[in-house]
Amino acid sequence: ERERSDRLLLNILPQAIVEQLKTASGRRIAQAFDQVSVFFADAVGSTEQGARSSPEEFAAALDELFRRFDHIADRRGLEKIKTIGDAYMAVAGAPVPMADHADAAVAMALDVLAEAGEVRWPCGDPIMVRVGVAAGPAVAGIIGYRRFAYDLWGDTVNLASRLQECAKPGQVLVSEEAASQLGDRYAFGPTQIVDLKGKGPTPARVLV
């Protein structure tokens, strides 16, 4: 029964957090990280597709897409944080710090772009995604008493989310800090200034 409970918990929380919960004795679990990379991906046009499809078909398409994202996150060493409607959020570098977090997040972005088109909406159109990646500090921890969740907060999270919103379909927008950490390991377009909601003009680069 204990093993079964552990397996269920590991479907909800990162393993490192499950281990902390076992010894927390009611203590709140929260950590500050100097450097993580946050990944956001969004399925383009999902609202229109949902209106044109049956609930079962629409849910099946998103489920297949996010299952693929889950496998990519596992392969690249990212921790899935949550899905928000048709958006998928993950982090590299939390709850366990990772030296090459930006590399892992950008590698996931490329894999996501490659695999998303293999999944189709019920109408037959291939699914296109847009992605935002940002590197920087963040705070992570467990919130809530019922249906509790491991979550992530901070400006880095907001930046990654806003970059995703401004990316074009099939495009990855990367924060200047994340791109600078990668050196010449990946090709980027020139720095451009994007007007982000709630942040204003912000430098970013397109992953080539």
N, C-alpha and C. Protein backbone atom coordinates (compact mmCIF):
# COMPACT_ATOMS: atom_id res chain seq x y z
N GLU A 1 0.83 -1.21 0.00
CA GLU A 1 0.00 0.00 0.00
C GLU A 1 0.86 1.27 0.00
N ARG A 2 2.00 1.19 0.73
CA ARG A 2 2.89 2.34 0.76
C ARG A 2 3.51 2.58 -0.62
N GLU A 3 3.90 1.49 -1.29
CA GLU A 3 4.46 1.62 -2.64
C GLU A 3 3.42 2.18 -3.61
N ARG A 4 2.18 1.74 -3.47
CA ARG A 4 1.11 2.24 -4.33
C ARG A 4 0.90 3.73 -4.09
N SER A 5 0.90 4.15 -2.84
CA SER A 5 0.75 5.57 -2.51
C SER A 5 1.90 6.39 -3.08
N ASP A 6 3.12 5.84 -3.00
CA ASP A 6 4.28 6.55 -3.54
C ASP A 6 4.15 6.72 -5.05
N ARG A 7 3.67 5.68 -5.73
CA ARG A 7 3.52 5.78 -7.19
C ARG A 7 2.50 6.85 -7.55
N LEU A 8 1.41 6.92 -6.79
CA LEU A 8 0.40 7.95 -7.05
C LEU A 8 0.97 9.34 -6.80
N LEU A 9 1.72 9.49 -5.72
CA LEU A 9 2.32 10.79 -5.42
C LEU A 9 3.29 11.22 -6.50
N LEU A 10 4.05 10.26 -7.05
CA LEU A 10 5.04 10.60 -8.08
C LEU A 10 4.40 11.02 -9.39
N ASN A 11 3.10 10.73 -9.55
CA ASN A 11 2.38 11.24 -10.72
C ASN A 11 1.92 12.68 -10.51
N ILE A 12 2.03 13.15 -9.26
CA ILE A 12 1.57 14.50 -8.93
C ILE A 12 2.74 15.43 -8.60
N LEU A 13 3.74 14.89 -7.90
CA LEU A 13 4.84 15.70 -7.40
C LEU A 13 6.19 15.14 -7.84
N PRO A 14 7.21 16.00 -7.94
CA PRO A 14 8.56 15.53 -8.25
C PRO A 14 9.07 14.59 -7.15
N GLN A 15 9.93 13.66 -7.53
CA GLN A 15 10.43 12.68 -6.55
C GLN A 15 11.14 13.36 -5.39
N ALA A 16 11.94 14.39 -5.69
CA ALA A 16 12.67 15.09 -4.63
C ALA A 16 11.70 15.72 -3.62
N ILE A 17 10.55 16.18 -4.09
CA ILE A 17 9.57 16.79 -3.19
C ILE A 17 8.85 15.73 -2.38
N VAL A 18 8.58 14.57 -3.00
CA VAL A 18 7.95 13.47 -2.27
C VAL A 18 8.84 13.05 -1.10
N GLU A 19 10.16 12.98 -1.36
CA GLU A 19 11.08 12.61 -0.28
C GLU A 19 11.07 13.65 0.83
N GLN A 20 10.97 14.93 0.46
CA GLN A 20 10.91 15.98 1.48
C GLN A 20 9.62 15.91 2.29
N LEU A 21 8.51 15.58 1.62
CA LEU A 21 7.23 15.49 2.30
C LEU A 21 7.25 14.43 3.40
N LYS A 22 7.98 13.35 3.14
CA LYS A 22 8.02 12.26 4.11
C LYS A 22 8.67 12.67 5.43
N THR A 23 9.54 13.69 5.35
CA THR A 23 10.25 14.12 6.56
C THR A 23 9.92 15.55 6.97
N ALA A 24 8.93 16.16 6.31
CA ALA A 24 8.66 17.58 6.55
C ALA A 24 7.98 17.84 7.88
N SER A 25 7.20 16.89 8.38
CA SER A 25 6.50 17.05 9.66
C SER A 25 5.69 18.34 9.74
N GLY A 26 4.92 18.60 8.69
CA GLY A 26 4.07 19.78 8.69
C GLY A 26 4.76 21.06 8.25
N ARG A 27 6.07 21.01 8.02
CA ARG A 27 6.80 22.21 7.61
C ARG A 27 6.48 22.54 6.15
N ARG A 28 6.35 23.83 5.86
CA ARG A 28 6.08 24.26 4.49
C ARG A 28 7.30 24.00 3.62
N ILE A 29 7.05 23.47 2.42
CA ILE A 29 8.15 23.18 1.49
C ILE A 29 8.24 24.29 0.46
N ALA A 30 9.34 25.02 0.49
CA ALA A 30 9.58 26.11 -0.47
C ALA A 30 11.08 26.28 -0.64
N GLN A 31 11.50 26.57 -1.87
CA GLN A 31 12.91 26.75 -2.19
C GLN A 31 13.09 27.94 -3.12
N ALA A 32 14.20 28.62 -2.96
CA ALA A 32 14.58 29.68 -3.88
C ALA A 32 15.73 29.16 -4.76
N PHE A 33 15.64 29.38 -6.05
CA PHE A 33 16.67 28.94 -6.99
C PHE A 33 17.28 30.15 -7.68
N ASP A 34 18.60 30.19 -7.71
CA ASP A 34 19.29 31.30 -8.37
C ASP A 34 19.11 31.25 -9.88
N GLN A 35 19.09 30.05 -10.43
CA GLN A 35 18.99 29.91 -11.88
C GLN A 35 18.18 28.68 -12.26
N VAL A 36 17.12 28.90 -12.99
CA VAL A 36 16.35 27.83 -13.63
C VAL A 36 16.00 28.31 -15.04
N SER A 37 15.52 27.41 -15.85
CA SER A 37 14.96 27.79 -17.15
C SER A 37 13.52 27.32 -17.21
N VAL A 38 12.63 28.25 -17.50
CA VAL A 38 11.19 27.94 -17.54
C VAL A 38 10.75 27.81 -18.99
N PHE A 39 9.95 26.79 -19.26
CA PHE A 39 9.48 26.45 -20.60
C PHE A 39 7.96 26.55 -20.65
N PHE A 40 7.46 27.30 -21.61
CA PHE A 40 6.01 27.35 -21.86
C PHE A 40 5.75 27.02 -23.33
N ALA A 41 4.77 26.15 -23.57
CA ALA A 41 4.34 25.86 -24.95
C ALA A 41 2.83 25.96 -25.01
N ASP A 42 2.33 26.44 -26.14
CA ASP A 42 0.89 26.66 -26.31
C ASP A 42 0.46 26.09 -27.65
N ALA A 43 -0.66 25.38 -27.66
CA ALA A 43 -1.21 24.85 -28.90
C ALA A 43 -2.00 25.95 -29.61
N VAL A 44 -1.53 26.33 -30.77
CA VAL A 44 -2.12 27.47 -31.50
C VAL A 44 -3.50 27.10 -32.04
N GLY A 45 -4.46 28.02 -31.84
CA GLY A 45 -5.78 27.85 -32.43
C GLY A 45 -6.67 26.84 -31.74
N SER A 46 -6.35 26.52 -30.48
CA SER A 46 -7.13 25.48 -29.80
C SER A 46 -8.57 25.90 -29.54
N THR A 47 -8.80 27.19 -29.29
CA THR A 47 -10.17 27.65 -29.02
C THR A 47 -11.06 27.38 -30.22
N GLU A 48 -10.56 27.73 -31.41
CA GLU A 48 -11.35 27.50 -32.62
C GLU A 48 -11.54 26.00 -32.86
N GLN A 49 -10.46 25.22 -32.63
CA GLN A 49 -10.55 23.78 -32.85
C GLN A 49 -11.54 23.14 -31.88
N GLY A 50 -11.56 23.62 -30.63
CA GLY A 50 -12.49 23.09 -29.65
C GLY A 50 -13.93 23.33 -30.04
N ALA A 51 -14.19 24.49 -30.66
CA ALA A 51 -15.56 24.81 -31.09
C ALA A 51 -16.00 23.96 -32.27
N ARG A 52 -15.03 23.45 -33.05
CA ARG A 52 -15.35 22.69 -34.26
C ARG A 52 -15.34 21.19 -34.01
N SER A 53 -14.95 20.75 -32.82
CA SER A 53 -14.77 19.32 -32.56
C SER A 53 -15.69 18.87 -31.43
N SER A 54 -15.87 17.56 -31.34
CA SER A 54 -16.58 17.02 -30.18
C SER A 54 -15.64 17.10 -28.98
N PRO A 55 -16.20 17.18 -27.77
CA PRO A 55 -15.35 17.25 -26.58
C PRO A 55 -14.37 16.08 -26.49
N GLU A 56 -14.84 14.89 -26.84
CA GLU A 56 -13.98 13.70 -26.74
C GLU A 56 -12.81 13.78 -27.72
N GLU A 57 -13.09 14.20 -28.96
CA GLU A 57 -12.04 14.27 -29.97
C GLU A 57 -11.03 15.36 -29.62
N PHE A 58 -11.53 16.49 -29.15
CA PHE A 58 -10.65 17.60 -28.80
C PHE A 58 -9.74 17.22 -27.63
N ALA A 59 -10.33 16.61 -26.59
CA ALA A 59 -9.55 16.20 -25.43
C ALA A 59 -8.52 15.14 -25.81
N ALA A 60 -8.88 14.25 -26.72
CA ALA A 60 -7.95 13.20 -27.14
C ALA A 60 -6.73 13.79 -27.86
N ALA A 61 -6.96 14.81 -28.68
CA ALA A 61 -5.84 15.44 -29.40
C ALA A 61 -4.89 16.12 -28.42
N LEU A 62 -5.44 16.89 -27.47
CA LEU A 62 -4.58 17.56 -26.48
C LEU A 62 -3.87 16.54 -25.59
N ASP A 63 -4.58 15.47 -25.26
CA ASP A 63 -3.97 14.44 -24.42
C ASP A 63 -2.77 13.80 -25.12
N GLU A 64 -2.92 13.49 -26.40
CA GLU A 64 -1.79 12.91 -27.13
C GLU A 64 -0.62 13.89 -27.21
N LEU A 65 -0.94 15.17 -27.45
CA LEU A 65 0.11 16.18 -27.54
C LEU A 65 0.86 16.29 -26.22
N PHE A 66 0.14 16.41 -25.13
CA PHE A 66 0.79 16.60 -23.83
C PHE A 66 1.49 15.34 -23.34
N ARG A 67 1.01 14.18 -23.73
CA ARG A 67 1.74 12.95 -23.40
C ARG A 67 3.11 12.96 -24.08
N ARG A 68 3.14 13.41 -25.31
CA ARG A 68 4.44 13.51 -26.00
C ARG A 68 5.34 14.52 -25.29
N PHE A 69 4.76 15.63 -24.88
CA PHE A 69 5.55 16.62 -24.14
C PHE A 69 6.10 16.02 -22.85
N ASP A 70 5.29 15.20 -22.16
CA ASP A 70 5.74 14.55 -20.93
C ASP A 70 6.97 13.69 -21.20
N HIS A 71 6.92 12.90 -22.28
CA HIS A 71 8.06 12.03 -22.61
C HIS A 71 9.31 12.86 -22.94
N ILE A 72 9.10 13.97 -23.66
CA ILE A 72 10.25 14.83 -23.99
C ILE A 72 10.84 15.43 -22.72
N ALA A 73 9.97 15.89 -21.82
CA ALA A 73 10.45 16.47 -20.56
C ALA A 73 11.26 15.45 -19.78
N ASP A 74 10.78 14.22 -19.70
CA ASP A 74 11.53 13.17 -19.01
C ASP A 74 12.89 12.94 -19.66
N ARG A 75 12.90 12.92 -20.98
CA ARG A 75 14.13 12.65 -21.71
C ARG A 75 15.14 13.77 -21.54
N ARG A 76 14.66 15.00 -21.47
CA ARG A 76 15.56 16.15 -21.38
C ARG A 76 15.84 16.59 -19.94
N GLY A 77 15.20 15.94 -18.98
CA GLY A 77 15.47 16.25 -17.57
C GLY A 77 14.71 17.44 -17.03
N LEU A 78 13.59 17.82 -17.66
CA LEU A 78 12.76 18.90 -17.14
C LEU A 78 11.68 18.34 -16.24
N GLU A 79 11.20 19.18 -15.34
CA GLU A 79 10.10 18.80 -14.46
C GLU A 79 8.83 19.47 -14.96
N LYS A 80 7.83 18.66 -15.30
CA LYS A 80 6.54 19.24 -15.68
C LYS A 80 5.91 19.89 -14.46
N ILE A 81 5.47 21.12 -14.61
CA ILE A 81 4.81 21.83 -13.52
C ILE A 81 3.30 21.69 -13.63
N LYS A 82 2.74 22.01 -14.80
CA LYS A 82 1.29 21.91 -14.95
C LYS A 82 0.90 22.18 -16.39
N THR A 83 -0.36 21.87 -16.69
CA THR A 83 -0.98 22.35 -17.93
C THR A 83 -2.05 23.35 -17.53
N ILE A 84 -2.17 24.40 -18.33
CA ILE A 84 -3.16 25.44 -18.08
C ILE A 84 -3.97 25.58 -19.37
N GLY A 85 -5.09 24.90 -19.41
CA GLY A 85 -5.86 24.89 -20.66
C GLY A 85 -5.05 24.20 -21.75
N ASP A 86 -4.68 24.96 -22.78
CA ASP A 86 -3.91 24.37 -23.88
C ASP A 86 -2.43 24.73 -23.78
N ALA A 87 -1.98 25.19 -22.61
CA ALA A 87 -0.58 25.55 -22.40
C ALA A 87 0.10 24.53 -21.50
N TYR A 88 1.38 24.32 -21.74
CA TYR A 88 2.16 23.33 -20.99
C TYR A 88 3.37 24.03 -20.39
N MET A 89 3.57 23.84 -19.09
CA MET A 89 4.67 24.51 -18.38
C MET A 89 5.60 23.48 -17.76
N ALA A 90 6.90 23.69 -17.94
CA ALA A 90 7.91 22.83 -17.35
C ALA A 90 9.10 23.67 -16.92
N VAL A 91 9.98 23.08 -16.10
CA VAL A 91 11.15 23.82 -15.63
C VAL A 91 12.37 22.90 -15.63
N ALA A 92 13.50 23.47 -15.98
CA ALA A 92 14.79 22.79 -15.86
C ALA A 92 15.56 23.46 -14.73
N GLY A 93 16.00 22.67 -13.74
CA GLY A 93 16.76 23.24 -12.63
C GLY A 93 16.01 23.31 -11.33
N ALA A 94 14.81 22.76 -11.27
CA ALA A 94 14.03 22.68 -10.03
C ALA A 94 13.16 21.42 -10.12
N PRO A 95 12.97 20.71 -8.99
CA PRO A 95 13.46 21.00 -7.65
C PRO A 95 14.91 20.64 -7.42
N VAL A 96 15.54 19.99 -8.41
CA VAL A 96 16.96 19.66 -8.30
C VAL A 96 17.74 20.59 -9.22
N PRO A 97 18.69 21.38 -8.70
CA PRO A 97 19.47 22.30 -9.54
C PRO A 97 20.16 21.56 -10.69
N MET A 98 20.29 22.25 -11.82
CA MET A 98 20.88 21.66 -13.02
C MET A 98 21.83 22.68 -13.63
N ALA A 99 23.05 22.28 -13.88
CA ALA A 99 24.05 23.21 -14.41
C ALA A 99 23.70 23.70 -15.81
N ASP A 100 23.21 22.80 -16.66
CA ASP A 100 22.93 23.15 -18.05
C ASP A 100 21.42 23.29 -18.29
N HIS A 101 20.74 23.99 -17.37
CA HIS A 101 19.28 24.11 -17.45
C HIS A 101 18.80 24.77 -18.73
N ALA A 102 19.50 25.81 -19.19
CA ALA A 102 19.07 26.51 -20.42
C ALA A 102 19.19 25.58 -21.62
N ASP A 103 20.26 24.80 -21.67
CA ASP A 103 20.46 23.85 -22.75
C ASP A 103 19.31 22.84 -22.77
N ALA A 104 18.94 22.33 -21.60
CA ALA A 104 17.88 21.33 -21.53
C ALA A 104 16.54 21.90 -21.99
N ALA A 105 16.24 23.13 -21.59
CA ALA A 105 14.96 23.75 -21.95
C ALA A 105 14.88 24.03 -23.45
N VAL A 106 15.98 24.50 -24.03
CA VAL A 106 15.98 24.79 -25.47
C VAL A 106 15.94 23.50 -26.28
N ALA A 107 16.63 22.47 -25.79
CA ALA A 107 16.56 21.17 -26.46
C ALA A 107 15.14 20.64 -26.45
N MET A 108 14.43 20.82 -25.33
CA MET A 108 13.03 20.41 -25.28
C MET A 108 12.19 21.20 -26.27
N ALA A 109 12.47 22.49 -26.38
CA ALA A 109 11.72 23.32 -27.32
C ALA A 109 11.84 22.80 -28.75
N LEU A 110 13.05 22.42 -29.14
CA LEU A 110 13.25 21.89 -30.49
C LEU A 110 12.52 20.57 -30.68
N ASP A 111 12.58 19.71 -29.67
CA ASP A 111 11.88 18.43 -29.76
C ASP A 111 10.36 18.63 -29.85
N VAL A 112 9.85 19.59 -29.09
CA VAL A 112 8.42 19.87 -29.10
C VAL A 112 7.97 20.34 -30.48
N LEU A 113 8.74 21.24 -31.08
CA LEU A 113 8.39 21.71 -32.42
C LEU A 113 8.39 20.56 -33.42
N ALA A 114 9.35 19.65 -33.27
CA ALA A 114 9.46 18.54 -34.21
C ALA A 114 8.30 17.55 -34.07
N GLU A 115 7.86 17.33 -32.83
CA GLU A 115 6.84 16.30 -32.61
C GLU A 115 5.40 16.82 -32.66
N ALA A 116 5.22 18.11 -32.39
CA ALA A 116 3.84 18.63 -32.34
C ALA A 116 3.11 18.42 -33.65
N GLY A 117 3.80 18.61 -34.76
CA GLY A 117 3.17 18.48 -36.07
C GLY A 117 2.74 17.07 -36.40
N GLU A 118 3.25 16.08 -35.64
CA GLU A 118 2.84 14.70 -35.86
C GLU A 118 1.47 14.41 -35.24
N VAL A 119 1.02 15.32 -34.37
CA VAL A 119 -0.30 15.18 -33.75
C VAL A 119 -1.27 16.09 -34.51
N ARG A 120 -2.48 15.60 -34.75
CA ARG A 120 -3.44 16.37 -35.54
C ARG A 120 -4.71 16.67 -34.75
N TRP A 121 -5.28 17.83 -35.06
CA TRP A 121 -6.60 18.16 -34.53
C TRP A 121 -7.63 17.22 -35.15
N PRO A 122 -8.82 17.11 -34.59
CA PRO A 122 -9.85 16.23 -35.16
C PRO A 122 -10.16 16.54 -36.63
N CYS A 123 -10.00 17.80 -37.04
CA CYS A 123 -10.29 18.15 -38.44
C CYS A 123 -9.20 17.66 -39.39
N GLY A 124 -8.07 17.20 -38.85
CA GLY A 124 -6.97 16.73 -39.68
C GLY A 124 -5.80 17.67 -39.78
N ASP A 125 -5.96 18.92 -39.34
CA ASP A 125 -4.86 19.87 -39.39
C ASP A 125 -3.78 19.50 -38.38
N PRO A 126 -2.50 19.61 -38.76
CA PRO A 126 -1.44 19.35 -37.78
C PRO A 126 -1.44 20.42 -36.70
N ILE A 127 -1.13 20.03 -35.48
CA ILE A 127 -1.08 20.99 -34.38
C ILE A 127 0.23 21.78 -34.46
N MET A 128 0.11 23.09 -34.36
CA MET A 128 1.28 23.96 -34.30
C MET A 128 1.37 24.55 -32.90
N VAL A 129 2.60 24.73 -32.43
CA VAL A 129 2.81 25.29 -31.10
C VAL A 129 3.72 26.51 -31.19
N ARG A 130 3.62 27.35 -30.18
CA ARG A 130 4.58 28.43 -30.00
C ARG A 130 5.18 28.25 -28.61
N VAL A 131 6.46 28.62 -28.47
CA VAL A 131 7.19 28.31 -27.24
C VAL A 131 7.92 29.54 -26.73
N GLY A 132 7.97 29.68 -25.40
CA GLY A 132 8.77 30.70 -24.75
C GLY A 132 9.68 30.05 -23.72
N VAL A 133 10.95 30.49 -23.68
CA VAL A 133 11.92 29.98 -22.71
C VAL A 133 12.62 31.16 -22.07
N ALA A 134 12.70 31.16 -20.74
CA ALA A 134 13.39 32.23 -20.02
C ALA A 134 14.23 31.62 -18.90
N ALA A 135 15.39 32.22 -18.64
CA ALA A 135 16.29 31.76 -17.58
C ALA A 135 16.42 32.84 -16.52
N GLY A 136 16.55 32.41 -15.25
CA GLY A 136 16.71 33.36 -14.17
C GLY A 136 16.29 32.75 -12.85
N PRO A 137 16.17 33.56 -11.81
CA PRO A 137 15.79 33.05 -10.50
C PRO A 137 14.31 32.73 -10.41
N ALA A 138 13.96 31.87 -9.46
CA ALA A 138 12.55 31.53 -9.24
C ALA A 138 12.40 30.94 -7.84
N VAL A 139 11.16 30.94 -7.37
CA VAL A 139 10.81 30.30 -6.10
C VAL A 139 9.85 29.16 -6.42
N ALA A 140 10.06 28.02 -5.76
CA ALA A 140 9.21 26.86 -6.01
C ALA A 140 8.77 26.26 -4.69
N GLY A 141 7.61 25.62 -4.70
CA GLY A 141 7.14 24.98 -3.49
C GLY A 141 5.76 24.42 -3.66
N ILE A 142 5.24 23.88 -2.59
CA ILE A 142 3.90 23.28 -2.60
C ILE A 142 2.91 24.27 -2.03
N ILE A 143 1.80 24.44 -2.74
CA ILE A 143 0.73 25.32 -2.26
C ILE A 143 -0.57 24.54 -2.20
N GLY A 144 -1.42 24.96 -1.29
CA GLY A 144 -2.74 24.36 -1.19
C GLY A 144 -2.81 23.22 -0.19
N TYR A 145 -4.02 22.96 0.26
CA TYR A 145 -4.27 21.86 1.18
C TYR A 145 -5.02 20.74 0.46
N ARG A 146 -6.02 21.12 -0.31
CA ARG A 146 -6.72 20.16 -1.14
C ARG A 146 -6.23 20.31 -2.57
N ARG A 147 -6.03 19.19 -3.25
CA ARG A 147 -5.50 19.20 -4.61
C ARG A 147 -4.22 20.05 -4.68
N PHE A 148 -3.36 19.86 -3.72
CA PHE A 148 -2.13 20.65 -3.65
C PHE A 148 -1.27 20.39 -4.87
N ALA A 149 -0.36 21.31 -5.14
CA ALA A 149 0.47 21.20 -6.33
C ALA A 149 1.84 21.81 -6.08
N TYR A 150 2.83 21.29 -6.78
CA TYR A 150 4.16 21.89 -6.79
C TYR A 150 4.15 22.95 -7.87
N ASP A 151 4.48 24.18 -7.50
CA ASP A 151 4.37 25.28 -8.45
C ASP A 151 5.62 26.15 -8.40
N LEU A 152 5.68 27.07 -9.34
CA LEU A 152 6.86 27.93 -9.53
C LEU A 152 6.39 29.36 -9.69
N TRP A 153 7.13 30.32 -9.07
CA TRP A 153 6.75 31.72 -9.14
C TRP A 153 7.97 32.59 -9.43
N GLY A 154 7.69 33.80 -9.88
CA GLY A 154 8.76 34.77 -10.07
C GLY A 154 8.73 35.39 -11.46
N ASP A 155 9.56 36.40 -11.65
CA ASP A 155 9.60 37.13 -12.91
C ASP A 155 10.02 36.24 -14.07
N THR A 156 10.88 35.25 -13.80
CA THR A 156 11.31 34.34 -14.87
C THR A 156 10.13 33.56 -15.43
N VAL A 157 9.23 33.16 -14.55
CA VAL A 157 8.02 32.45 -14.98
C VAL A 157 7.16 33.36 -15.85
N ASN A 158 6.94 34.58 -15.39
CA ASN A 158 6.13 35.53 -16.14
C ASN A 158 6.74 35.83 -17.51
N LEU A 159 8.08 35.97 -17.53
CA LEU A 159 8.76 36.28 -18.79
C LEU A 159 8.59 35.15 -19.79
N ALA A 160 8.79 33.90 -19.35
CA ALA A 160 8.64 32.76 -20.26
C ALA A 160 7.22 32.69 -20.82
N SER A 161 6.23 32.95 -19.96
CA SER A 161 4.84 32.92 -20.39
C SER A 161 4.55 34.00 -21.43
N ARG A 162 5.06 35.21 -21.18
CA ARG A 162 4.84 36.32 -22.12
C ARG A 162 5.56 36.10 -23.44
N LEU A 163 6.75 35.52 -23.39
CA LEU A 163 7.48 35.23 -24.63
C LEU A 163 6.71 34.22 -25.47
N GLN A 164 6.15 33.23 -24.82
CA GLN A 164 5.33 32.26 -25.54
C GLN A 164 4.15 32.93 -26.22
N GLU A 165 3.52 33.87 -25.53
CA GLU A 165 2.36 34.55 -26.11
C GLU A 165 2.74 35.37 -27.34
N CYS A 166 3.97 35.89 -27.36
CA CYS A 166 4.41 36.74 -28.47
C CYS A 166 5.06 35.96 -29.60
N ALA A 167 5.38 34.69 -29.37
CA ALA A 167 6.00 33.89 -30.42
C ALA A 167 5.00 33.62 -31.54
N LYS A 168 5.52 33.45 -32.74
CA LYS A 168 4.67 33.09 -33.87
C LYS A 168 4.47 31.57 -33.87
N PRO A 169 3.43 31.07 -34.54
CA PRO A 169 3.25 29.62 -34.63
C PRO A 169 4.50 28.95 -35.19
N GLY A 170 4.95 27.90 -34.52
CA GLY A 170 6.15 27.19 -34.95
C GLY A 170 7.44 27.87 -34.55
N GLN A 171 7.37 28.85 -33.65
CA GLN A 171 8.56 29.63 -33.29
C GLN A 171 8.85 29.50 -31.79
N VAL A 172 10.15 29.61 -31.45
CA VAL A 172 10.59 29.62 -30.05
C VAL A 172 11.24 30.97 -29.77
N LEU A 173 10.68 31.71 -28.81
CA LEU A 173 11.29 32.96 -28.38
C LEU A 173 12.02 32.70 -27.06
N VAL A 174 13.29 33.12 -27.01
CA VAL A 174 14.15 32.84 -25.86
C VAL A 174 14.61 34.16 -25.25
N SER A 175 14.60 34.23 -23.93
CA SER A 175 15.06 35.44 -23.27
C SER A 175 16.54 35.68 -23.55
N GLU A 176 16.93 36.94 -23.47
CA GLU A 176 18.33 37.30 -23.74
C GLU A 176 19.27 36.56 -22.78
N GLU A 177 18.86 36.44 -21.53
CA GLU A 177 19.73 35.78 -20.55
C GLU A 177 19.90 34.30 -20.87
N ALA A 178 18.82 33.63 -21.24
CA ALA A 178 18.93 32.21 -21.59
C ALA A 178 19.81 32.01 -22.82
N ALA A 179 19.63 32.86 -23.82
CA ALA A 179 20.44 32.74 -25.04
C ALA A 179 21.92 32.98 -24.75
N SER A 180 22.21 33.94 -23.87
CA SER A 180 23.61 34.24 -23.56
C SER A 180 24.28 33.09 -22.83
N GLN A 181 23.52 32.32 -22.06
CA GLN A 181 24.10 31.18 -21.34
C GLN A 181 24.45 30.03 -22.28
N LEU A 182 23.86 30.02 -23.46
CA LEU A 182 24.06 28.91 -24.38
C LEU A 182 25.24 29.10 -25.31
N GLY A 183 25.77 30.31 -25.36
CA GLY A 183 26.93 30.56 -26.22
C GLY A 183 26.64 30.21 -27.67
N ASP A 184 27.52 29.42 -28.27
CA ASP A 184 27.35 29.07 -29.68
C ASP A 184 26.82 27.64 -29.85
N ARG A 185 26.23 27.09 -28.80
CA ARG A 185 25.69 25.73 -28.91
C ARG A 185 24.43 25.67 -29.75
N TYR A 186 23.72 26.80 -29.86
CA TYR A 186 22.52 26.89 -30.68
C TYR A 186 22.60 28.16 -31.52
N ALA A 187 21.87 28.15 -32.62
CA ALA A 187 21.83 29.33 -33.49
C ALA A 187 20.60 30.16 -33.16
N PHE A 188 20.81 31.46 -33.00
CA PHE A 188 19.72 32.38 -32.70
C PHE A 188 19.70 33.51 -33.72
N GLY A 189 18.52 34.06 -33.93
CA GLY A 189 18.42 35.26 -34.73
C GLY A 189 18.95 36.44 -33.94
N PRO A 190 19.05 37.60 -34.56
CA PRO A 190 19.53 38.79 -33.84
C PRO A 190 18.58 39.19 -32.73
N THR A 191 19.10 39.90 -31.75
CA THR A 191 18.25 40.38 -30.66
C THR A 191 17.16 41.29 -31.20
N GLN A 192 15.93 41.05 -30.78
CA GLN A 192 14.81 41.90 -31.17
C GLN A 192 14.10 42.36 -29.91
N ILE A 193 13.44 43.47 -30.01
CA ILE A 193 12.70 44.01 -28.87
C ILE A 193 11.23 43.67 -29.06
N VAL A 194 10.67 42.92 -28.09
CA VAL A 194 9.27 42.54 -28.16
C VAL A 194 8.52 43.26 -27.05
N ASP A 195 7.33 43.71 -27.35
CA ASP A 195 6.52 44.44 -26.37
C ASP A 195 5.66 43.43 -25.62
N LEU A 196 6.09 43.10 -24.40
CA LEU A 196 5.42 42.07 -23.63
C LEU A 196 4.37 42.69 -22.70
N LYS A 197 3.23 42.05 -22.62
CA LYS A 197 2.16 42.51 -21.74
C LYS A 197 2.65 42.53 -20.29
N GLY A 198 2.48 43.68 -19.65
CA GLY A 198 2.87 43.81 -18.26
C GLY A 198 4.35 44.04 -18.03
N LYS A 199 5.17 43.98 -19.10
CA LYS A 199 6.61 44.16 -18.96
C LYS A 199 7.16 45.24 -19.88
N GLY A 200 6.47 45.49 -20.99
CA GLY A 200 6.94 46.50 -21.93
C GLY A 200 8.01 45.96 -22.85
N PRO A 201 8.78 46.85 -23.49
CA PRO A 201 9.81 46.42 -24.45
C PRO A 201 10.87 45.53 -23.76
N THR A 202 11.08 44.34 -24.32
CA THR A 202 11.97 43.36 -23.71
C THR A 202 12.81 42.70 -24.80
N PRO A 203 14.14 42.60 -24.61
CA PRO A 203 14.96 41.92 -25.61
C PRO A 203 14.74 40.42 -25.60
N ALA A 204 14.70 39.82 -26.77
CA ALA A 204 14.52 38.37 -26.91
C ALA A 204 15.14 37.94 -28.22
N ARG A 205 15.34 36.64 -28.36
CA ARG A 205 15.92 36.10 -29.59
C ARG A 205 15.14 34.89 -30.06
N VAL A 206 15.05 34.74 -31.37
CA VAL A 206 14.35 33.60 -31.96
C VAL A 206 15.34 32.45 -32.12
N LEU A 207 14.94 31.26 -31.64
CA LEU A 207 15.77 30.07 -31.79
C LEU A 207 15.68 29.60 -33.23
N VAL A 208 16.84 29.50 -33.86
CA VAL A 208 16.91 29.04 -35.24
C VAL A 208 17.20 27.54 -35.31
